[in-house]
Structures are given as C-alpha cells and as structure tokens.
Amino acid sequence: MSERDVFEYALLRVVPRVERGECFNAGVLVYCRAKSFVAARTHLDETKLRALDPEADVAGVRAALRAVEGVCAGGKAAGQAAGDDAGRRFRWLIAPRSTVLQPGPVHTGLTADPEAETERLLALLVR
C-alpha cells in the first residue's frame, strides 16, 4: 500500500435564495499540505438552480465557480492570490464571502493521490 497523506476538503454550495436556506453542492475544494496541492472541481446543475430560483443568475454562479477554480490553479487566474502557497489559497477560499456560493465545513481524510481524491469527491458528493 502506498503512503497516504492527510488532506482537507470542503464542498462549495449554491444557495440561490439565502432567505429560504435551500442549497445544493456545486463543487469541492481539496488541500493536501504534504503535497502542496490545492484544487477545485465544480459542476453546476442548472436544473437544480432554476428549480430553487427560476430567476437565478446562472452566468454569475458559473463565473464564481470558475473564479474558485482559478484561485486554486494559481498563476494569472488566481489574481492577488497568485503568490500565495496552496494552504493560504485554500484557507482564503473556505472563508465565507458570498451568500450565493458558500463553502461548507472542512473535513479530513487520507489519500495517496489528492488529484484522484478530488475527482472521486466530485463524483460522489456533487454530480
């Protein structure tokens, strides 16, 4: 068995109408300190979004999800966070800042492959 490292993850939840408190998962953030790894994978179910709010700003929600992926990817897409290490970008992303796109609580686990874990969590918890 290959060596496994501790990783942390949080779900990204879409809350179309905060006053109703309804939400659904639209992405996952994964951070593994040992591998200096941070990534986000997203999937917006437009049908769910429109069922909860027919007037929802689909393009705005997609842009917010892309922005999270960009911060994780680093480089120019990360904007001001480009110079931050993986852990700092993860901590910044899990801090609540929007009513429509909200991070869930942080959970932990063990993984030998954080990239594969990210895809597994997306398939299990989002799609």
N, C-alpha and C. Protein backbone atom coordinates (compact mmCIF):
# COMPACT_ATOMS: atom_id res chain seq x y z
N MET A 1 0.85 -1.19 0.00
CA MET A 1 0.00 0.00 0.00
C MET A 1 0.89 1.24 0.00
N SER A 2 0.58 2.20 -0.86
CA SER A 2 1.38 3.42 -0.92
C SER A 2 1.09 4.31 0.29
N GLU A 3 2.02 5.18 0.57
CA GLU A 3 1.87 6.09 1.71
C GLU A 3 0.73 7.06 1.45
N ARG A 4 -0.07 7.26 2.47
CA ARG A 4 -1.19 8.20 2.34
C ARG A 4 -0.92 9.43 3.19
N ASP A 5 -1.39 10.55 2.70
CA ASP A 5 -1.22 11.83 3.38
C ASP A 5 -2.58 12.36 3.81
N VAL A 6 -2.56 13.19 4.83
CA VAL A 6 -3.78 13.86 5.30
C VAL A 6 -4.18 14.90 4.25
N PHE A 7 -5.46 14.97 3.97
CA PHE A 7 -5.98 16.04 3.12
C PHE A 7 -7.22 16.62 3.77
N GLU A 8 -7.56 17.83 3.35
CA GLU A 8 -8.76 18.51 3.82
C GLU A 8 -9.62 18.82 2.61
N TYR A 9 -10.93 18.84 2.83
CA TYR A 9 -11.81 19.23 1.73
C TYR A 9 -13.04 19.93 2.27
N ALA A 10 -13.61 20.76 1.40
CA ALA A 10 -14.86 21.45 1.70
C ALA A 10 -15.70 21.47 0.44
N LEU A 11 -16.98 21.33 0.61
CA LEU A 11 -17.90 21.42 -0.52
C LEU A 11 -18.23 22.88 -0.79
N LEU A 12 -18.49 23.20 -2.03
CA LEU A 12 -18.99 24.51 -2.42
C LEU A 12 -20.48 24.35 -2.64
N ARG A 13 -21.25 25.16 -1.94
CA ARG A 13 -22.70 25.04 -2.00
C ARG A 13 -23.30 26.28 -2.66
N VAL A 14 -24.27 26.06 -3.51
CA VAL A 14 -25.01 27.16 -4.11
C VAL A 14 -26.28 27.35 -3.29
N VAL A 15 -26.49 28.59 -2.85
CA VAL A 15 -27.67 28.97 -2.07
C VAL A 15 -28.37 30.07 -2.86
N PRO A 16 -29.26 29.70 -3.77
CA PRO A 16 -29.84 30.69 -4.68
C PRO A 16 -30.64 31.79 -3.97
N ARG A 17 -31.36 31.41 -2.92
CA ARG A 17 -32.15 32.39 -2.16
C ARG A 17 -31.87 32.16 -0.69
N VAL A 18 -30.96 32.97 -0.16
CA VAL A 18 -30.47 32.76 1.20
C VAL A 18 -31.60 32.78 2.23
N GLU A 19 -32.65 33.54 1.96
CA GLU A 19 -33.76 33.62 2.92
C GLU A 19 -34.50 32.29 3.05
N ARG A 20 -34.40 31.44 2.03
CA ARG A 20 -35.06 30.12 2.09
C ARG A 20 -34.15 29.06 2.68
N GLY A 21 -32.84 29.26 2.63
CA GLY A 21 -31.90 28.31 3.21
C GLY A 21 -31.68 27.04 2.41
N GLU A 22 -32.22 26.97 1.21
CA GLU A 22 -32.05 25.78 0.37
C GLU A 22 -30.72 25.86 -0.36
N CYS A 23 -30.06 24.71 -0.49
CA CYS A 23 -28.76 24.71 -1.16
C CYS A 23 -28.52 23.36 -1.84
N PHE A 24 -27.52 23.36 -2.71
CA PHE A 24 -27.06 22.12 -3.31
C PHE A 24 -25.56 22.24 -3.58
N ASN A 25 -24.89 21.11 -3.64
CA ASN A 25 -23.44 21.08 -3.85
C ASN A 25 -23.12 21.33 -5.32
N ALA A 26 -22.11 22.19 -5.54
CA ALA A 26 -21.70 22.52 -6.91
C ALA A 26 -20.20 22.41 -7.10
N GLY A 27 -19.49 21.98 -6.08
CA GLY A 27 -18.05 21.85 -6.23
C GLY A 27 -17.39 21.32 -4.97
N VAL A 28 -16.11 21.02 -5.12
CA VAL A 28 -15.32 20.53 -3.99
C VAL A 28 -13.94 21.18 -4.05
N LEU A 29 -13.46 21.59 -2.89
CA LEU A 29 -12.10 22.13 -2.73
C LEU A 29 -11.29 21.09 -1.97
N VAL A 30 -10.09 20.78 -2.44
CA VAL A 30 -9.23 19.79 -1.79
C VAL A 30 -7.86 20.40 -1.56
N TYR A 31 -7.33 20.20 -0.36
CA TYR A 31 -6.00 20.70 0.00
C TYR A 31 -5.22 19.58 0.68
N CYS A 32 -3.98 19.36 0.24
CA CYS A 32 -3.09 18.38 0.86
C CYS A 32 -1.75 19.08 1.12
N ARG A 33 -1.49 19.38 2.37
CA ARG A 33 -0.29 20.12 2.74
C ARG A 33 0.97 19.37 2.33
N ALA A 34 1.02 18.08 2.57
CA ALA A 34 2.21 17.27 2.29
C ALA A 34 2.61 17.34 0.81
N LYS A 35 1.64 17.52 -0.05
CA LYS A 35 1.90 17.56 -1.50
C LYS A 35 1.84 18.98 -2.06
N SER A 36 1.63 19.98 -1.19
CA SER A 36 1.44 21.37 -1.64
C SER A 36 0.39 21.43 -2.74
N PHE A 37 -0.70 20.72 -2.51
CA PHE A 37 -1.75 20.56 -3.52
C PHE A 37 -3.02 21.28 -3.09
N VAL A 38 -3.57 22.04 -3.99
CA VAL A 38 -4.91 22.61 -3.80
C VAL A 38 -5.61 22.59 -5.15
N ALA A 39 -6.86 22.17 -5.15
CA ALA A 39 -7.62 22.11 -6.39
C ALA A 39 -9.11 22.26 -6.09
N ALA A 40 -9.81 22.72 -7.09
CA ALA A 40 -11.27 22.79 -7.03
C ALA A 40 -11.82 22.17 -8.30
N ARG A 41 -12.86 21.40 -8.15
CA ARG A 41 -13.59 20.87 -9.30
C ARG A 41 -15.05 21.25 -9.08
N THR A 42 -15.69 21.71 -10.12
CA THR A 42 -17.06 22.18 -9.98
C THR A 42 -17.96 21.57 -11.04
N HIS A 43 -19.23 21.54 -10.73
CA HIS A 43 -20.26 21.08 -11.65
C HIS A 43 -21.56 21.77 -11.24
N LEU A 44 -22.05 22.66 -12.08
CA LEU A 44 -23.28 23.37 -11.78
C LEU A 44 -24.45 22.67 -12.44
N ASP A 45 -25.37 22.20 -11.62
CA ASP A 45 -26.60 21.59 -12.11
C ASP A 45 -27.61 22.72 -12.31
N GLU A 46 -27.70 23.18 -13.54
CA GLU A 46 -28.56 24.32 -13.86
C GLU A 46 -30.02 24.02 -13.59
N THR A 47 -30.43 22.78 -13.76
CA THR A 47 -31.82 22.40 -13.50
C THR A 47 -32.15 22.59 -12.02
N LYS A 48 -31.26 22.15 -11.14
CA LYS A 48 -31.48 22.35 -9.69
C LYS A 48 -31.51 23.83 -9.36
N LEU A 49 -30.57 24.58 -9.94
CA LEU A 49 -30.51 26.01 -9.66
C LEU A 49 -31.81 26.69 -10.04
N ARG A 50 -32.29 26.40 -11.22
CA ARG A 50 -33.55 27.03 -11.69
C ARG A 50 -34.77 26.52 -10.92
N ALA A 51 -34.72 25.29 -10.43
CA ALA A 51 -35.83 24.78 -9.61
C ALA A 51 -35.93 25.54 -8.29
N LEU A 52 -34.78 25.89 -7.73
CA LEU A 52 -34.78 26.62 -6.46
C LEU A 52 -35.00 28.12 -6.65
N ASP A 53 -34.60 28.63 -7.81
CA ASP A 53 -34.80 30.05 -8.10
C ASP A 53 -34.85 30.25 -9.61
N PRO A 54 -36.05 30.32 -10.18
CA PRO A 54 -36.18 30.49 -11.63
C PRO A 54 -35.50 31.76 -12.16
N GLU A 55 -35.27 32.72 -11.29
CA GLU A 55 -34.65 33.99 -11.69
C GLU A 55 -33.15 34.02 -11.37
N ALA A 56 -32.58 32.90 -11.02
CA ALA A 56 -31.16 32.85 -10.62
C ALA A 56 -30.24 33.35 -11.72
N ASP A 57 -29.15 33.96 -11.31
CA ASP A 57 -28.12 34.45 -12.23
C ASP A 57 -27.16 33.30 -12.53
N VAL A 58 -27.51 32.47 -13.50
CA VAL A 58 -26.72 31.29 -13.84
C VAL A 58 -25.30 31.69 -14.25
N ALA A 59 -25.19 32.69 -15.08
CA ALA A 59 -23.86 33.15 -15.53
C ALA A 59 -23.02 33.63 -14.36
N GLY A 60 -23.64 34.31 -13.42
CA GLY A 60 -22.92 34.80 -12.23
C GLY A 60 -22.43 33.66 -11.36
N VAL A 61 -23.25 32.64 -11.18
CA VAL A 61 -22.85 31.48 -10.37
C VAL A 61 -21.71 30.73 -11.07
N ARG A 62 -21.84 30.55 -12.39
CA ARG A 62 -20.75 29.90 -13.16
C ARG A 62 -19.45 30.69 -13.03
N ALA A 63 -19.53 32.01 -13.12
CA ALA A 63 -18.34 32.85 -13.00
C ALA A 63 -17.70 32.71 -11.62
N ALA A 64 -18.52 32.64 -10.59
CA ALA A 64 -17.99 32.47 -9.23
C ALA A 64 -17.29 31.12 -9.07
N LEU A 65 -17.88 30.08 -9.64
CA LEU A 65 -17.26 28.75 -9.59
C LEU A 65 -15.94 28.73 -10.36
N ARG A 66 -15.92 29.36 -11.53
CA ARG A 66 -14.67 29.45 -12.31
C ARG A 66 -13.60 30.22 -11.55
N ALA A 67 -14.01 31.25 -10.83
CA ALA A 67 -13.05 32.05 -10.06
C ALA A 67 -12.39 31.20 -8.97
N VAL A 68 -13.16 30.35 -8.33
CA VAL A 68 -12.61 29.45 -7.30
C VAL A 68 -11.59 28.51 -7.94
N GLU A 69 -11.95 27.94 -9.08
CA GLU A 69 -11.01 27.06 -9.79
C GLU A 69 -9.74 27.82 -10.16
N GLY A 70 -9.89 29.07 -10.57
CA GLY A 70 -8.74 29.89 -10.94
C GLY A 70 -7.81 30.17 -9.79
N VAL A 71 -8.36 30.46 -8.63
CA VAL A 71 -7.53 30.70 -7.44
C VAL A 71 -6.75 29.43 -7.11
N CYS A 72 -7.38 28.29 -7.20
CA CYS A 72 -6.69 27.02 -6.92
C CYS A 72 -5.58 26.77 -7.93
N ALA A 73 -5.84 27.06 -9.20
CA ALA A 73 -4.87 26.79 -10.25
C ALA A 73 -3.63 27.67 -10.13
N GLY A 74 -3.78 28.84 -9.53
CA GLY A 74 -2.64 29.75 -9.39
C GLY A 74 -2.39 30.50 -10.68
N GLY A 75 -1.23 31.12 -10.78
CA GLY A 75 -0.91 31.90 -11.96
C GLY A 75 -1.81 33.12 -12.08
N LYS A 76 -1.92 33.65 -13.28
CA LYS A 76 -2.72 34.85 -13.52
C LYS A 76 -4.18 34.67 -13.13
N ALA A 77 -4.69 33.44 -13.28
CA ALA A 77 -6.09 33.17 -12.95
C ALA A 77 -6.39 33.36 -11.46
N ALA A 78 -5.35 33.33 -10.63
CA ALA A 78 -5.53 33.46 -9.18
C ALA A 78 -5.59 34.91 -8.72
N GLY A 79 -5.31 35.85 -9.61
CA GLY A 79 -5.35 37.26 -9.22
C GLY A 79 -4.36 37.55 -8.11
N GLN A 80 -4.82 38.26 -7.08
CA GLN A 80 -3.94 38.64 -5.97
C GLN A 80 -3.43 37.44 -5.19
N ALA A 81 -4.11 36.33 -5.26
CA ALA A 81 -3.70 35.13 -4.52
C ALA A 81 -2.60 34.35 -5.24
N ALA A 82 -2.18 34.80 -6.42
CA ALA A 82 -1.20 34.06 -7.23
C ALA A 82 0.09 33.76 -6.48
N GLY A 83 0.52 34.67 -5.63
CA GLY A 83 1.77 34.47 -4.90
C GLY A 83 1.63 33.66 -3.63
N ASP A 84 0.41 33.34 -3.25
CA ASP A 84 0.19 32.59 -2.01
C ASP A 84 0.44 31.11 -2.20
N ASP A 85 0.84 30.44 -1.12
CA ASP A 85 1.03 28.99 -1.20
C ASP A 85 -0.33 28.29 -1.20
N ALA A 86 -0.31 27.00 -1.46
CA ALA A 86 -1.55 26.23 -1.59
C ALA A 86 -2.42 26.33 -0.34
N GLY A 87 -1.82 26.23 0.83
CA GLY A 87 -2.58 26.28 2.07
C GLY A 87 -3.27 27.61 2.28
N ARG A 88 -2.58 28.67 1.97
CA ARG A 88 -3.16 30.00 2.15
C ARG A 88 -4.33 30.22 1.16
N ARG A 89 -4.17 29.74 -0.08
CA ARG A 89 -5.27 29.85 -1.05
C ARG A 89 -6.48 29.04 -0.58
N PHE A 90 -6.25 27.82 -0.05
CA PHE A 90 -7.36 27.00 0.45
C PHE A 90 -8.07 27.72 1.60
N ARG A 91 -7.31 28.24 2.55
CA ARG A 91 -7.92 28.93 3.70
C ARG A 91 -8.72 30.16 3.24
N TRP A 92 -8.20 30.86 2.24
CA TRP A 92 -8.90 32.03 1.73
C TRP A 92 -10.23 31.61 1.10
N LEU A 93 -10.21 30.50 0.36
CA LEU A 93 -11.41 30.04 -0.33
C LEU A 93 -12.48 29.47 0.59
N ILE A 94 -12.09 28.93 1.73
CA ILE A 94 -13.09 28.36 2.64
C ILE A 94 -13.69 29.41 3.58
N ALA A 95 -13.19 30.64 3.50
CA ALA A 95 -13.76 31.72 4.30
C ALA A 95 -15.04 32.22 3.62
N PRO A 96 -16.14 32.28 4.34
CA PRO A 96 -17.39 32.74 3.73
C PRO A 96 -17.27 34.18 3.23
N ARG A 97 -17.74 34.43 2.02
CA ARG A 97 -17.71 35.79 1.48
C ARG A 97 -18.89 36.07 0.56
N SER A 98 -19.69 35.09 0.29
CA SER A 98 -20.82 35.27 -0.62
C SER A 98 -22.04 34.60 -0.02
N THR A 99 -23.21 35.16 -0.33
CA THR A 99 -24.43 34.50 0.13
C THR A 99 -24.86 33.42 -0.85
N VAL A 100 -24.48 33.54 -2.12
CA VAL A 100 -24.93 32.58 -3.13
C VAL A 100 -24.00 31.38 -3.23
N LEU A 101 -22.69 31.58 -3.19
CA LEU A 101 -21.73 30.48 -3.24
C LEU A 101 -21.02 30.40 -1.89
N GLN A 102 -21.34 29.35 -1.14
CA GLN A 102 -20.83 29.23 0.23
C GLN A 102 -20.01 27.96 0.41
N PRO A 103 -18.87 28.07 1.11
CA PRO A 103 -18.11 26.86 1.45
C PRO A 103 -18.78 26.15 2.61
N GLY A 104 -18.76 24.83 2.57
CA GLY A 104 -19.27 24.05 3.69
C GLY A 104 -18.16 23.84 4.71
N PRO A 105 -18.44 23.06 5.75
CA PRO A 105 -17.41 22.78 6.75
C PRO A 105 -16.25 21.98 6.15
N VAL A 106 -15.10 22.09 6.78
CA VAL A 106 -13.91 21.37 6.32
C VAL A 106 -13.90 19.98 6.95
N HIS A 107 -13.62 18.99 6.12
CA HIS A 107 -13.50 17.60 6.55
C HIS A 107 -12.09 17.12 6.22
N THR A 108 -11.67 16.03 6.83
CA THR A 108 -10.33 15.50 6.57
C THR A 108 -10.40 14.03 6.16
N GLY A 109 -9.30 13.57 5.59
CA GLY A 109 -9.19 12.18 5.20
C GLY A 109 -7.74 11.86 4.88
N LEU A 110 -7.51 10.67 4.37
CA LEU A 110 -6.18 10.23 3.96
C LEU A 110 -6.23 9.84 2.49
N THR A 111 -5.19 10.21 1.76
CA THR A 111 -5.15 9.88 0.35
C THR A 111 -3.71 9.71 -0.13
N ALA A 112 -3.52 8.85 -1.09
CA ALA A 112 -2.22 8.69 -1.76
C ALA A 112 -2.17 9.56 -3.01
N ASP A 113 -3.34 10.02 -3.48
CA ASP A 113 -3.41 10.78 -4.72
C ASP A 113 -4.47 11.88 -4.59
N PRO A 114 -4.05 13.09 -4.19
CA PRO A 114 -5.04 14.16 -4.00
C PRO A 114 -5.82 14.52 -5.26
N GLU A 115 -5.20 14.43 -6.42
CA GLU A 115 -5.90 14.74 -7.67
C GLU A 115 -7.05 13.74 -7.89
N ALA A 116 -6.76 12.46 -7.71
CA ALA A 116 -7.80 11.43 -7.86
C ALA A 116 -8.86 11.59 -6.78
N GLU A 117 -8.46 11.99 -5.59
CA GLU A 117 -9.42 12.19 -4.49
C GLU A 117 -10.38 13.32 -4.84
N THR A 118 -9.87 14.36 -5.47
CA THR A 118 -10.70 15.48 -5.88
C THR A 118 -11.78 15.01 -6.85
N GLU A 119 -11.38 14.24 -7.83
CA GLU A 119 -12.35 13.71 -8.81
C GLU A 119 -13.35 12.76 -8.16
N ARG A 120 -12.86 11.93 -7.23
CA ARG A 120 -13.74 10.98 -6.53
C ARG A 120 -14.80 11.73 -5.72
N LEU A 121 -14.38 12.76 -5.00
CA LEU A 121 -15.32 13.54 -4.18
C LEU A 121 -16.32 14.29 -5.05
N LEU A 122 -15.88 14.80 -6.18
CA LEU A 122 -16.79 15.47 -7.09
C LEU A 122 -17.87 14.49 -7.57
N ALA A 123 -17.44 13.31 -7.97
CA ALA A 123 -18.40 12.31 -8.45
C ALA A 123 -19.34 11.85 -7.33
N LEU A 124 -18.82 11.67 -6.14
CA LEU A 124 -19.61 11.16 -5.02
C LEU A 124 -20.56 12.20 -4.41
N LEU A 125 -20.09 13.43 -4.27
CA LEU A 125 -20.83 14.42 -3.49
C LEU A 125 -21.48 15.55 -4.30
N VAL A 126 -21.10 15.67 -5.57
CA VAL A 126 -21.61 16.81 -6.36
C VAL A 126 -22.42 16.36 -7.56
N ARG A 127 -21.91 15.46 -8.36
CA ARG A 127 -22.59 15.09 -9.61
C ARG A 127 -23.83 14.25 -9.39
